[in-house]
């Protein structure tokens, strides 16, 4: 569980290097689902505004990395 918590902590850290590292550690077969979850965090009303900002920041980093990652 600790690894999963650390993954999300880094992915939602708003630190581009931590986001990038977390994303690159994620197996490719999970990237679509995790990206979809981040999109849900940005678009659904149930999330705290700080969580939305963190998800937006993560998506910005992920999207600038390109489709290969």
C-alpha atoms as a PDB file:
ATOM      1  CA  UNK A   1       0.000   0.000   0.000  1.00  0.00           C
ATOM      2  CA  UNK A   2       2.859   2.350   0.760  1.00  0.00           C
ATOM      3  CA  UNK A   3       4.085   2.230  -2.845  1.00  0.00           C
ATOM      4  CA  UNK A   4       0.615   3.073  -4.125  1.00  0.00           C
ATOM      5  CA  UNK A   5       0.331   5.965  -1.688  1.00  0.00           C
ATOM      6  CA  UNK A   6       3.760   7.260  -2.689  1.00  0.00           C
ATOM      7  CA  UNK A   7       2.816   6.970  -6.357  1.00  0.00           C
ATOM      8  CA  UNK A   8      -0.297   9.128  -5.894  1.00  0.00           C
ATOM      9  CA  UNK A   9       1.541  11.541  -3.617  1.00  0.00           C
ATOM     10  CA  UNK A  10       4.133  12.088  -6.326  1.00  0.00           C
ATOM     11  CA  UNK A  11       1.656  12.161  -9.199  1.00  0.00           C
ATOM     12  CA  UNK A  12      -0.445  14.812  -7.432  1.00  0.00           C
ATOM     13  CA  UNK A  13       2.505  16.726  -5.975  1.00  0.00           C
ATOM     14  CA  UNK A  14       2.452  19.594  -8.527  1.00  0.00           C
ATOM     15  CA  UNK A  15       6.203  19.062  -8.818  1.00  0.00           C
ATOM     16  CA  UNK A  16       6.840  18.349 -12.527  1.00  0.00           C
ATOM     17  CA  UNK A  17       9.836  16.099 -11.833  1.00  0.00           C
ATOM     18  CA  UNK A  18       7.925  13.991  -9.286  1.00  0.00           C
ATOM     19  CA  UNK A  19       4.921  13.775 -11.611  1.00  0.00           C
ATOM     20  CA  UNK A  20       7.133  12.697 -14.497  1.00  0.00           C
ATOM     21  CA  UNK A  21       8.924  10.077 -12.382  1.00  0.00           C
ATOM     22  CA  UNK A  22       5.649   8.663 -11.069  1.00  0.00           C
ATOM     23  CA  UNK A  23       4.172   8.505 -14.562  1.00  0.00           C
ATOM     24  CA  UNK A  24       7.210   6.781 -16.035  1.00  0.00           C
ATOM     25  CA  UNK A  25       7.141   4.180 -13.231  1.00  0.00           C
ATOM     26  CA  UNK A  26       3.538   3.326 -14.071  1.00  0.00           C
ATOM     27  CA  UNK A  27       3.187   0.310 -16.378  1.00  0.00           C
ATOM     28  CA  UNK A  28       1.888   1.341 -19.796  1.00  0.00           C
ATOM     29  CA  UNK A  29      -1.189  -0.855 -19.430  1.00  0.00           C
ATOM     30  CA  UNK A  30      -2.332   1.314 -16.483  1.00  0.00           C
ATOM     31  CA  UNK A  31      -1.575   4.738 -17.925  1.00  0.00           C
ATOM     32  CA  UNK A  32      -4.891   5.104 -19.777  1.00  0.00           C
ATOM     33  CA  UNK A  33      -6.912   4.304 -16.637  1.00  0.00           C
ATOM     34  CA  UNK A  34      -4.864   6.599 -14.405  1.00  0.00           C
ATOM     35  CA  UNK A  35      -5.054   9.439 -16.939  1.00  0.00           C
ATOM     36  CA  UNK A  36      -8.816   8.882 -17.122  1.00  0.00           C
ATOM     37  CA  UNK A  37      -9.023   9.139 -13.350  1.00  0.00           C
ATOM     38  CA  UNK A  38      -7.114  12.438 -13.434  1.00  0.00           C
ATOM     39  CA  UNK A  39      -9.524  13.739 -16.077  1.00  0.00           C
ATOM     40  CA  UNK A  40     -12.440  12.716 -13.838  1.00  0.00           C
ATOM     41  CA  UNK A  41     -10.859  14.594 -10.948  1.00  0.00           C
ATOM     42  CA  UNK A  42     -10.743  17.726 -13.108  1.00  0.00           C
ATOM     43  CA  UNK A  43     -14.233  17.418 -14.581  1.00  0.00           C
ATOM     44  CA  UNK A  44     -16.376  15.966 -11.783  1.00  0.00           C
ATOM     45  CA  UNK A  45     -17.804  18.188  -9.059  1.00  0.00           C
ATOM     46  CA  UNK A  46     -17.011  15.880  -6.124  1.00  0.00           C
ATOM     47  CA  UNK A  47     -13.337  16.778  -5.797  1.00  0.00           C
ATOM     48  CA  UNK A  48     -11.790  19.357  -3.489  1.00  0.00           C
ATOM     49  CA  UNK A  49     -10.428  22.394  -5.385  1.00  0.00           C
ATOM     50  CA  UNK A  50      -6.858  21.584  -4.311  1.00  0.00           C
ATOM     51  CA  UNK A  51      -7.242  18.040  -5.666  1.00  0.00           C
ATOM     52  CA  UNK A  52      -8.492  19.488  -8.944  1.00  0.00           C
ATOM     53  CA  UNK A  53      -5.425  21.758  -9.167  1.00  0.00           C
ATOM     54  CA  UNK A  54      -3.144  18.810  -8.493  1.00  0.00           C
ATOM     55  CA  UNK A  55      -4.827  16.680 -11.154  1.00  0.00           C
ATOM     56  CA  UNK A  56      -4.637  19.554 -13.654  1.00  0.00           C
ATOM     57  CA  UNK A  57      -0.931  19.971 -12.939  1.00  0.00           C
ATOM     58  CA  UNK A  58      -0.344  16.241 -13.406  1.00  0.00           C
ATOM     59  CA  UNK A  59      -2.237  16.231 -16.699  1.00  0.00           C
ATOM     60  CA  UNK A  60      -0.217  19.210 -17.921  1.00  0.00           C
ATOM     61  CA  UNK A  61       3.028  17.329 -17.266  1.00  0.00           C
ATOM     62  CA  UNK A  62       1.751  14.069 -18.740  1.00  0.00           C
ATOM     63  CA  UNK A  63       0.414  15.776 -21.854  1.00  0.00           C
ATOM     64  CA  UNK A  64       3.693  17.606 -22.488  1.00  0.00           C
ATOM     65  CA  UNK A  65       5.566  14.301 -22.316  1.00  0.00           C
ATOM     66  CA  UNK A  66       3.816  13.107 -25.460  1.00  0.00           C
ATOM     67  CA  UNK A  67       1.901  10.009 -26.383  1.00  0.00           C
ATOM     68  CA  UNK A  68       4.925   7.724 -26.037  1.00  0.00           C
ATOM     69  CA  UNK A  69       4.782   7.979 -22.268  1.00  0.00           C
END
